[in-house]
């Protein structure tokens, strides 16, 4: 999950190093790489 302004994220430990969450509020999108 990711906070409203993107300054903090959480990620389940088993996926760290492979998955990344981000957001672009100008484009109104949240991504999961």
ModelCIF file with pLDDT and N, C-alpha, C, O atoms, coordinates in Angstrom:
data_MODEL
#
_entry.id   MODEL 
#
_entity.id                         1 
_entity.type                       polymer 
_entity.pdbx_number_of_molecules   1 
#
_entity_poly.entity_id                      1 
_entity_poly.type                           'polypeptide(L)' 
_entity_poly.nstd_linkage                   no 
_entity_poly.nstd_monomer                   no 
_entity_poly.pdbx_seq_one_letter_code       
;(UNK)(UNK)(UNK)(UNK)(UNK)(UNK)(UNK)(UNK)(UNK)(UNK)(UNK)(UNK)(UNK)(UNK)(UNK)(UNK)
(UNK)(UNK)(UNK)(UNK)(UNK)(UNK)(UNK)(UNK)(UNK)(UNK)(UNK)(UNK)(UNK)(UNK)(UNK)(UNK)
(UNK)
;
_entity_poly.pdbx_seq_one_letter_code_can   XXXXXXXXXXXXXXXXXXXXXXXXXXXXXXXXX 
_entity_poly.pdbx_strand_id                 A 
#
loop_
_entity_poly_seq.entity_id 
_entity_poly_seq.num 
_entity_poly_seq.mon_id 
_entity_poly_seq.hetero 
1 1  UNK n 
1 2  UNK n 
1 3  UNK n 
1 4  UNK n 
1 5  UNK n 
1 6  UNK n 
1 7  UNK n 
1 8  UNK n 
1 9  UNK n 
1 10 UNK n 
1 11 UNK n 
1 12 UNK n 
1 13 UNK n 
1 14 UNK n 
1 15 UNK n 
1 16 UNK n 
1 17 UNK n 
1 18 UNK n 
1 19 UNK n 
1 20 UNK n 
1 21 UNK n 
1 22 UNK n 
1 23 UNK n 
1 24 UNK n 
1 25 UNK n 
1 26 UNK n 
1 27 UNK n 
1 28 UNK n 
1 29 UNK n 
1 30 UNK n 
1 31 UNK n 
1 32 UNK n 
1 33 UNK n 
#
_struct_asym.id          A 
_struct_asym.entity_id   1 
#
loop_
_ma_qa_metric.id 
_ma_qa_metric.mode 
_ma_qa_metric.name 
_ma_qa_metric.software_group_id 
_ma_qa_metric.type 
1 global pLDDT . pLDDT 
2 local  pLDDT . pLDDT 
#
_ma_qa_metric_global.metric_id      1 
_ma_qa_metric_global.metric_value   96.12 
_ma_qa_metric_global.model_id       1 
_ma_qa_metric_global.ordinal_id     1 
#
loop_
_ma_qa_metric_local.label_asym_id 
_ma_qa_metric_local.label_comp_id 
_ma_qa_metric_local.label_seq_id 
_ma_qa_metric_local.metric_id 
_ma_qa_metric_local.metric_value 
_ma_qa_metric_local.model_id 
_ma_qa_metric_local.ordinal_id 
A UNK 1  2 97.00 1 1  
A UNK 2  2 97.00 1 2  
A UNK 3  2 97.00 1 3  
A UNK 4  2 96.00 1 4  
A UNK 5  2 95.00 1 5  
A UNK 6  2 95.00 1 6  
A UNK 7  2 94.00 1 7  
A UNK 8  2 95.00 1 8  
A UNK 9  2 96.00 1 9  
A UNK 10 2 96.00 1 10 
A UNK 11 2 96.00 1 11 
A UNK 12 2 95.00 1 12 
A UNK 13 2 94.00 1 13 
A UNK 14 2 95.00 1 14 
A UNK 15 2 96.00 1 15 
A UNK 16 2 94.00 1 16 
A UNK 17 2 95.00 1 17 
A UNK 18 2 98.00 1 18 
A UNK 19 2 98.00 1 19 
A UNK 20 2 98.00 1 20 
A UNK 21 2 98.00 1 21 
A UNK 22 2 98.00 1 22 
A UNK 23 2 97.00 1 23 
A UNK 24 2 96.00 1 24 
A UNK 25 2 95.00 1 25 
A UNK 26 2 94.00 1 26 
A UNK 27 2 94.00 1 27 
A UNK 28 2 94.00 1 28 
A UNK 29 2 97.00 1 29 
A UNK 30 2 98.00 1 30 
A UNK 31 2 98.00 1 31 
A UNK 32 2 98.00 1 32 
A UNK 33 2 98.00 1 33 
#
loop_
_atom_site.group_PDB 
_atom_site.id 
_atom_site.type_symbol 
_atom_site.label_atom_id 
_atom_site.label_alt_id 
_atom_site.label_comp_id 
_atom_site.label_asym_id 
_atom_site.label_entity_id 
_atom_site.label_seq_id 
_atom_site.pdbx_PDB_ins_code 
_atom_site.Cartn_x 
_atom_site.Cartn_y 
_atom_site.Cartn_z 
_atom_site.occupancy 
_atom_site.B_iso_or_equiv 
_atom_site.pdbx_formal_charge 
_atom_site.auth_seq_id 
_atom_site.auth_comp_id 
_atom_site.auth_asym_id 
_atom_site.auth_atom_id 
_atom_site.pdbx_PDB_model_num 
ATOM 1   N N  . UNK A 1 1  ? 0.840  -1.188  0.000   1.00 97.00 ? 1  UNK A N  1 
ATOM 2   C CA . UNK A 1 1  ? 0.000  0.000   0.000   1.00 97.00 ? 1  UNK A CA 1 
ATOM 3   C C  . UNK A 1 1  ? 0.881  1.246   0.000   1.00 97.00 ? 1  UNK A C  1 
ATOM 4   O O  . UNK A 1 1  ? 2.073  1.186   0.300   1.00 97.00 ? 1  UNK A O  1 
ATOM 5   N N  . UNK A 1 2  ? 0.272  2.362   -0.340  1.00 97.00 ? 2  UNK A N  1 
ATOM 6   C CA . UNK A 1 2  ? 1.030  3.603   -0.473  1.00 97.00 ? 2  UNK A CA 1 
ATOM 7   C C  . UNK A 1 2  ? 0.170  4.760   0.020   1.00 97.00 ? 2  UNK A C  1 
ATOM 8   O O  . UNK A 1 2  ? -1.027 4.824   -0.260  1.00 97.00 ? 2  UNK A O  1 
ATOM 9   N N  . UNK A 1 3  ? 0.795  5.669   0.755   1.00 97.00 ? 3  UNK A N  1 
ATOM 10  C CA . UNK A 1 3  ? 0.056  6.795   1.304   1.00 97.00 ? 3  UNK A CA 1 
ATOM 11  C C  . UNK A 1 3  ? -0.369 7.778   0.216   1.00 97.00 ? 3  UNK A C  1 
ATOM 12  O O  . UNK A 1 3  ? 0.047  7.676   -0.938  1.00 97.00 ? 3  UNK A O  1 
ATOM 13  N N  . UNK A 1 4  ? -1.206 8.727   0.616   1.00 96.00 ? 4  UNK A N  1 
ATOM 14  C CA . UNK A 1 4  ? -1.825 9.628   -0.360  1.00 96.00 ? 4  UNK A CA 1 
ATOM 15  C C  . UNK A 1 4  ? -0.804 10.376  -1.211  1.00 96.00 ? 4  UNK A C  1 
ATOM 16  O O  . UNK A 1 4  ? -0.991 10.527  -2.418  1.00 96.00 ? 4  UNK A O  1 
ATOM 17  N N  . UNK A 1 5  ? 0.255  10.836  -0.598  1.00 95.00 ? 5  UNK A N  1 
ATOM 18  C CA . UNK A 1 5  ? 1.244  11.584  -1.374  1.00 95.00 ? 5  UNK A CA 1 
ATOM 19  C C  . UNK A 1 5  ? 2.429  10.725  -1.791  1.00 95.00 ? 5  UNK A C  1 
ATOM 20  O O  . UNK A 1 5  ? 3.388  11.225  -2.378  1.00 95.00 ? 5  UNK A O  1 
ATOM 21  N N  . UNK A 1 6  ? 2.365  9.451   -1.493  1.00 95.00 ? 6  UNK A N  1 
ATOM 22  C CA . UNK A 1 6  ? 3.398  8.523   -1.932  1.00 95.00 ? 6  UNK A CA 1 
ATOM 23  C C  . UNK A 1 6  ? 4.652  8.510   -1.092  1.00 95.00 ? 6  UNK A C  1 
ATOM 24  O O  . UNK A 1 6  ? 5.636  7.872   -1.467  1.00 95.00 ? 6  UNK A O  1 
ATOM 25  N N  . UNK A 1 7  ? 4.645  9.204   0.046   1.00 94.00 ? 7  UNK A N  1 
ATOM 26  C CA . UNK A 1 7  ? 5.888  9.299   0.808   1.00 94.00 ? 7  UNK A CA 1 
ATOM 27  C C  . UNK A 1 7  ? 6.182  8.059   1.628   1.00 94.00 ? 7  UNK A C  1 
ATOM 28  O O  . UNK A 1 7  ? 7.309  7.884   2.091   1.00 94.00 ? 7  UNK A O  1 
ATOM 29  N N  . UNK A 1 8  ? 5.200  7.199   1.818   1.00 95.00 ? 8  UNK A N  1 
ATOM 30  C CA . UNK A 1 8  ? 5.429  5.955   2.552   1.00 95.00 ? 8  UNK A CA 1 
ATOM 31  C C  . UNK A 1 8  ? 4.737  4.808   1.835   1.00 95.00 ? 8  UNK A C  1 
ATOM 32  O O  . UNK A 1 8  ? 3.633  4.944   1.308   1.00 95.00 ? 8  UNK A O  1 
ATOM 33  N N  . UNK A 1 9  ? 5.426  3.672   1.834   1.00 96.00 ? 9  UNK A N  1 
ATOM 34  C CA . UNK A 1 9  ? 4.882  2.475   1.217   1.00 96.00 ? 9  UNK A CA 1 
ATOM 35  C C  . UNK A 1 9  ? 5.112  1.285   2.146   1.00 96.00 ? 9  UNK A C  1 
ATOM 36  O O  . UNK A 1 9  ? 6.013  1.283   2.985   1.00 96.00 ? 9  UNK A O  1 
ATOM 37  N N  . UNK A 1 10 ? 4.282  0.300   1.965   1.00 96.00 ? 10 UNK A N  1 
ATOM 38  C CA . UNK A 1 10 ? 4.503  -0.973  2.630   1.00 96.00 ? 10 UNK A CA 1 
ATOM 39  C C  . UNK A 1 10 ? 4.557  -2.061  1.570   1.00 96.00 ? 10 UNK A C  1 
ATOM 40  O O  . UNK A 1 10 ? 3.960  -1.934  0.502   1.00 96.00 ? 10 UNK A O  1 
ATOM 41  N N  . UNK A 1 11 ? 5.273  -3.122  1.875   1.00 96.00 ? 11 UNK A N  1 
ATOM 42  C CA . UNK A 1 11 ? 5.365  -4.244  0.946   1.00 96.00 ? 11 UNK A CA 1 
ATOM 43  C C  . UNK A 1 11 ? 5.580  -5.502  1.773   1.00 96.00 ? 11 UNK A C  1 
ATOM 44  O O  . UNK A 1 11 ? 6.412  -5.530  2.680   1.00 96.00 ? 11 UNK A O  1 
ATOM 45  N N  . UNK A 1 12 ? 4.828  -6.529  1.453   1.00 95.00 ? 12 UNK A N  1 
ATOM 46  C CA . UNK A 1 12 ? 4.995  -7.790  2.177   1.00 95.00 ? 12 UNK A CA 1 
ATOM 47  C C  . UNK A 1 12 ? 6.432  -8.255  1.998   1.00 95.00 ? 12 UNK A C  1 
ATOM 48  O O  . UNK A 1 12 ? 6.985  -8.174  0.901   1.00 95.00 ? 12 UNK A O  1 
ATOM 49  N N  . UNK A 1 13 ? 7.029  -8.737  3.068   1.00 94.00 ? 13 UNK A N  1 
ATOM 50  C CA . UNK A 1 13 ? 8.465  -9.015  3.077   1.00 94.00 ? 13 UNK A CA 1 
ATOM 51  C C  . UNK A 1 13 ? 8.889  -10.021 2.014   1.00 94.00 ? 13 UNK A C  1 
ATOM 52  O O  . UNK A 1 13 ? 9.993  -9.932  1.477   1.00 94.00 ? 13 UNK A O  1 
ATOM 53  N N  . UNK A 1 14 ? 8.009  -10.981 1.708   1.00 95.00 ? 14 UNK A N  1 
ATOM 54  C CA . UNK A 1 14 ? 8.364  -12.020 0.740   1.00 95.00 ? 14 UNK A CA 1 
ATOM 55  C C  . UNK A 1 14 ? 8.552  -11.479 -0.674  1.00 95.00 ? 14 UNK A C  1 
ATOM 56  O O  . UNK A 1 14 ? 9.128  -12.158 -1.524  1.00 95.00 ? 14 UNK A O  1 
ATOM 57  N N  . UNK A 1 15 ? 8.072  -10.267 -0.933  1.00 96.00 ? 15 UNK A N  1 
ATOM 58  C CA . UNK A 1 15 ? 8.152  -9.705  -2.275  1.00 96.00 ? 15 UNK A CA 1 
ATOM 59  C C  . UNK A 1 15 ? 9.160  -8.561  -2.385  1.00 96.00 ? 15 UNK A C  1 
ATOM 60  O O  . UNK A 1 15 ? 9.333  -7.981  -3.457  1.00 96.00 ? 15 UNK A O  1 
ATOM 61  N N  . UNK A 1 16 ? 9.811  -8.246  -1.293  1.00 94.00 ? 16 UNK A N  1 
ATOM 62  C CA . UNK A 1 16 ? 10.778 -7.150  -1.320  1.00 94.00 ? 16 UNK A CA 1 
ATOM 63  C C  . UNK A 1 16 ? 11.913 -7.479  -2.273  1.00 94.00 ? 16 UNK A C  1 
ATOM 64  O O  . UNK A 1 16 ? 12.427 -8.597  -2.305  1.00 94.00 ? 16 UNK A O  1 
ATOM 65  N N  . UNK A 1 17 ? 12.287 -6.477  -3.041  1.00 95.00 ? 17 UNK A N  1 
ATOM 66  C CA . UNK A 1 17 ? 13.326 -6.655  -4.041  1.00 95.00 ? 17 UNK A CA 1 
ATOM 67  C C  . UNK A 1 17 ? 12.777 -6.995  -5.412  1.00 95.00 ? 17 UNK A C  1 
ATOM 68  O O  . UNK A 1 17 ? 13.494 -6.895  -6.408  1.00 95.00 ? 17 UNK A O  1 
ATOM 69  N N  . UNK A 1 18 ? 11.505 -7.398  -5.481  1.00 98.00 ? 18 UNK A N  1 
ATOM 70  C CA . UNK A 1 18 ? 10.899 -7.746  -6.776  1.00 98.00 ? 18 UNK A CA 1 
ATOM 71  C C  . UNK A 1 18 ? 9.722  -6.847  -7.128  1.00 98.00 ? 18 UNK A C  1 
ATOM 72  O O  . UNK A 1 18 ? 9.533  -6.522  -8.300  1.00 98.00 ? 18 UNK A O  1 
ATOM 73  N N  . UNK A 1 19 ? 8.940  -6.442  -6.162  1.00 98.00 ? 19 UNK A N  1 
ATOM 74  C CA . UNK A 1 19 ? 7.748  -5.633  -6.417  1.00 98.00 ? 19 UNK A CA 1 
ATOM 75  C C  . UNK A 1 19 ? 7.955  -4.234  -5.848  1.00 98.00 ? 19 UNK A C  1 
ATOM 76  O O  . UNK A 1 19 ? 8.592  -4.064  -4.808  1.00 98.00 ? 19 UNK A O  1 
ATOM 77  N N  . UNK A 1 20 ? 7.418  -3.244  -6.532  1.00 98.00 ? 20 UNK A N  1 
ATOM 78  C CA . UNK A 1 20 ? 7.489  -1.859  -6.082  1.00 98.00 ? 20 UNK A CA 1 
ATOM 79  C C  . UNK A 1 20 ? 6.173  -1.157  -6.372  1.00 98.00 ? 20 UNK A C  1 
ATOM 80  O O  . UNK A 1 20 ? 5.650  -1.237  -7.483  1.00 98.00 ? 20 UNK A O  1 
ATOM 81  N N  . UNK A 1 21 ? 5.643  -0.472  -5.374  1.00 98.00 ? 21 UNK A N  1 
ATOM 82  C CA . UNK A 1 21 ? 4.427  0.309   -5.567  1.00 98.00 ? 21 UNK A CA 1 
ATOM 83  C C  . UNK A 1 21 ? 4.803  1.775   -5.741  1.00 98.00 ? 21 UNK A C  1 
ATOM 84  O O  . UNK A 1 21 ? 5.744  2.262   -5.114  1.00 98.00 ? 21 UNK A O  1 
ATOM 85  N N  . UNK A 1 22 ? 4.070  2.465   -6.585  1.00 98.00 ? 22 UNK A N  1 
ATOM 86  C CA . UNK A 1 22 ? 4.306  3.889   -6.791  1.00 98.00 ? 22 UNK A CA 1 
ATOM 87  C C  . UNK A 1 22 ? 2.995  4.541   -7.208  1.00 98.00 ? 22 UNK A C  1 
ATOM 88  O O  . UNK A 1 22 ? 2.010  3.865   -7.504  1.00 98.00 ? 22 UNK A O  1 
ATOM 89  N N  . UNK A 1 23 ? 3.006  5.853   -7.224  1.00 97.00 ? 23 UNK A N  1 
ATOM 90  C CA . UNK A 1 23 ? 1.798  6.550   -7.672  1.00 97.00 ? 23 UNK A CA 1 
ATOM 91  C C  . UNK A 1 23 ? 2.177  7.837   -8.373  1.00 97.00 ? 23 UNK A C  1 
ATOM 92  O O  . UNK A 1 23 ? 3.205  8.450   -8.085  1.00 97.00 ? 23 UNK A O  1 
ATOM 93  N N  . UNK A 1 24 ? 1.325  8.228   -9.296  1.00 96.00 ? 24 UNK A N  1 
ATOM 94  C CA . UNK A 1 24 ? 1.455  9.500   -9.993  1.00 96.00 ? 24 UNK A CA 1 
ATOM 95  C C  . UNK A 1 24 ? 0.111  10.199  -9.873  1.00 96.00 ? 24 UNK A C  1 
ATOM 96  O O  . UNK A 1 24 ? -0.800 9.950   -10.662 1.00 96.00 ? 24 UNK A O  1 
ATOM 97  N N  . UNK A 1 25 ? -0.006 11.060  -8.900  1.00 95.00 ? 25 UNK A N  1 
ATOM 98  C CA . UNK A 1 25 ? -1.300 11.691  -8.658  1.00 95.00 ? 25 UNK A CA 1 
ATOM 99  C C  . UNK A 1 25 ? -1.696 12.633  -9.795  1.00 95.00 ? 25 UNK A C  1 
ATOM 100 O O  . UNK A 1 25 ? -2.883 12.876  -10.013 1.00 95.00 ? 25 UNK A O  1 
ATOM 101 N N  . UNK A 1 26 ? -0.725 13.156  -10.509 1.00 94.00 ? 26 UNK A N  1 
ATOM 102 C CA . UNK A 1 26 ? -1.053 14.005  -11.661 1.00 94.00 ? 26 UNK A CA 1 
ATOM 103 C C  . UNK A 1 26 ? -1.755 13.199  -12.739 1.00 94.00 ? 26 UNK A C  1 
ATOM 104 O O  . UNK A 1 26 ? -2.597 13.729  -13.463 1.00 94.00 ? 26 UNK A O  1 
ATOM 105 N N  . UNK A 1 27 ? -1.412 11.908  -12.850 1.00 94.00 ? 27 UNK A N  1 
ATOM 106 C CA . UNK A 1 27 ? -2.060 11.028  -13.829 1.00 94.00 ? 27 UNK A CA 1 
ATOM 107 C C  . UNK A 1 27 ? -3.160 10.192  -13.203 1.00 94.00 ? 27 UNK A C  1 
ATOM 108 O O  . UNK A 1 27 ? -3.807 9.390   -13.876 1.00 94.00 ? 27 UNK A O  1 
ATOM 109 N N  . UNK A 1 28 ? -3.367 10.388  -11.904 1.00 94.00 ? 28 UNK A N  1 
ATOM 110 C CA . UNK A 1 28 ? -4.433 9.667   -11.189 1.00 94.00 ? 28 UNK A CA 1 
ATOM 111 C C  . UNK A 1 28 ? -4.267 8.159   -11.292 1.00 94.00 ? 28 UNK A C  1 
ATOM 112 O O  . UNK A 1 28 ? -5.236 7.433   -11.516 1.00 94.00 ? 28 UNK A O  1 
ATOM 113 N N  . UNK A 1 29 ? -3.034 7.692   -11.127 1.00 97.00 ? 29 UNK A N  1 
ATOM 114 C CA . UNK A 1 29 ? -2.765 6.260   -11.215 1.00 97.00 ? 29 UNK A CA 1 
ATOM 115 C C  . UNK A 1 29 ? -1.872 5.806   -10.063 1.00 97.00 ? 29 UNK A C  1 
ATOM 116 O O  . UNK A 1 29 ? -1.066 6.566   -9.527  1.00 97.00 ? 29 UNK A O  1 
ATOM 117 N N  . UNK A 1 30 ? -2.047 4.543   -9.708  1.00 98.00 ? 30 UNK A N  1 
ATOM 118 C CA . UNK A 1 30 ? -1.149 3.858   -8.781  1.00 98.00 ? 30 UNK A CA 1 
ATOM 119 C C  . UNK A 1 30 ? -0.651 2.619   -9.508  1.00 98.00 ? 30 UNK A C  1 
ATOM 120 O O  . UNK A 1 30 ? -1.437 1.892   -10.117 1.00 98.00 ? 30 UNK A O  1 
ATOM 121 N N  . UNK A 1 31 ? 0.634  2.382   -9.446  1.00 98.00 ? 31 UNK A N  1 
ATOM 122 C CA . UNK A 1 31 ? 1.234  1.278   -10.195 1.00 98.00 ? 31 UNK A CA 1 
ATOM 123 C C  . UNK A 1 31 ? 1.873  0.257   -9.269  1.00 98.00 ? 31 UNK A C  1 
ATOM 124 O O  . UNK A 1 31 ? 2.265  0.559   -8.142  1.00 98.00 ? 31 UNK A O  1 
ATOM 125 N N  . UNK A 1 32 ? 1.962  -0.957  -9.782  1.00 98.00 ? 32 UNK A N  1 
ATOM 126 C CA . UNK A 1 32 ? 2.689  -2.019  -9.110  1.00 98.00 ? 32 UNK A CA 1 
ATOM 127 C C  . UNK A 1 32 ? 3.650  -2.603  -10.127 1.00 98.00 ? 32 UNK A C  1 
ATOM 128 O O  . UNK A 1 32 ? 3.237  -3.297  -11.056 1.00 98.00 ? 32 UNK A O  1 
ATOM 129 N N  . UNK A 1 33 ? 4.931  -2.322  -9.950  1.00 98.00 ? 33 UNK A N  1 
ATOM 130 C CA . UNK A 1 33 ? 5.960  -2.856  -10.824 1.00 98.00 ? 33 UNK A CA 1 
ATOM 131 C C  . UNK A 1 33 ? 6.406  -4.200  -10.291 1.00 98.00 ? 33 UNK A C  1 
ATOM 132 O O  . UNK A 1 33 ? 7.279  -4.838  -10.880 1.00 98.00 ? 33 UNK A O  1 
#
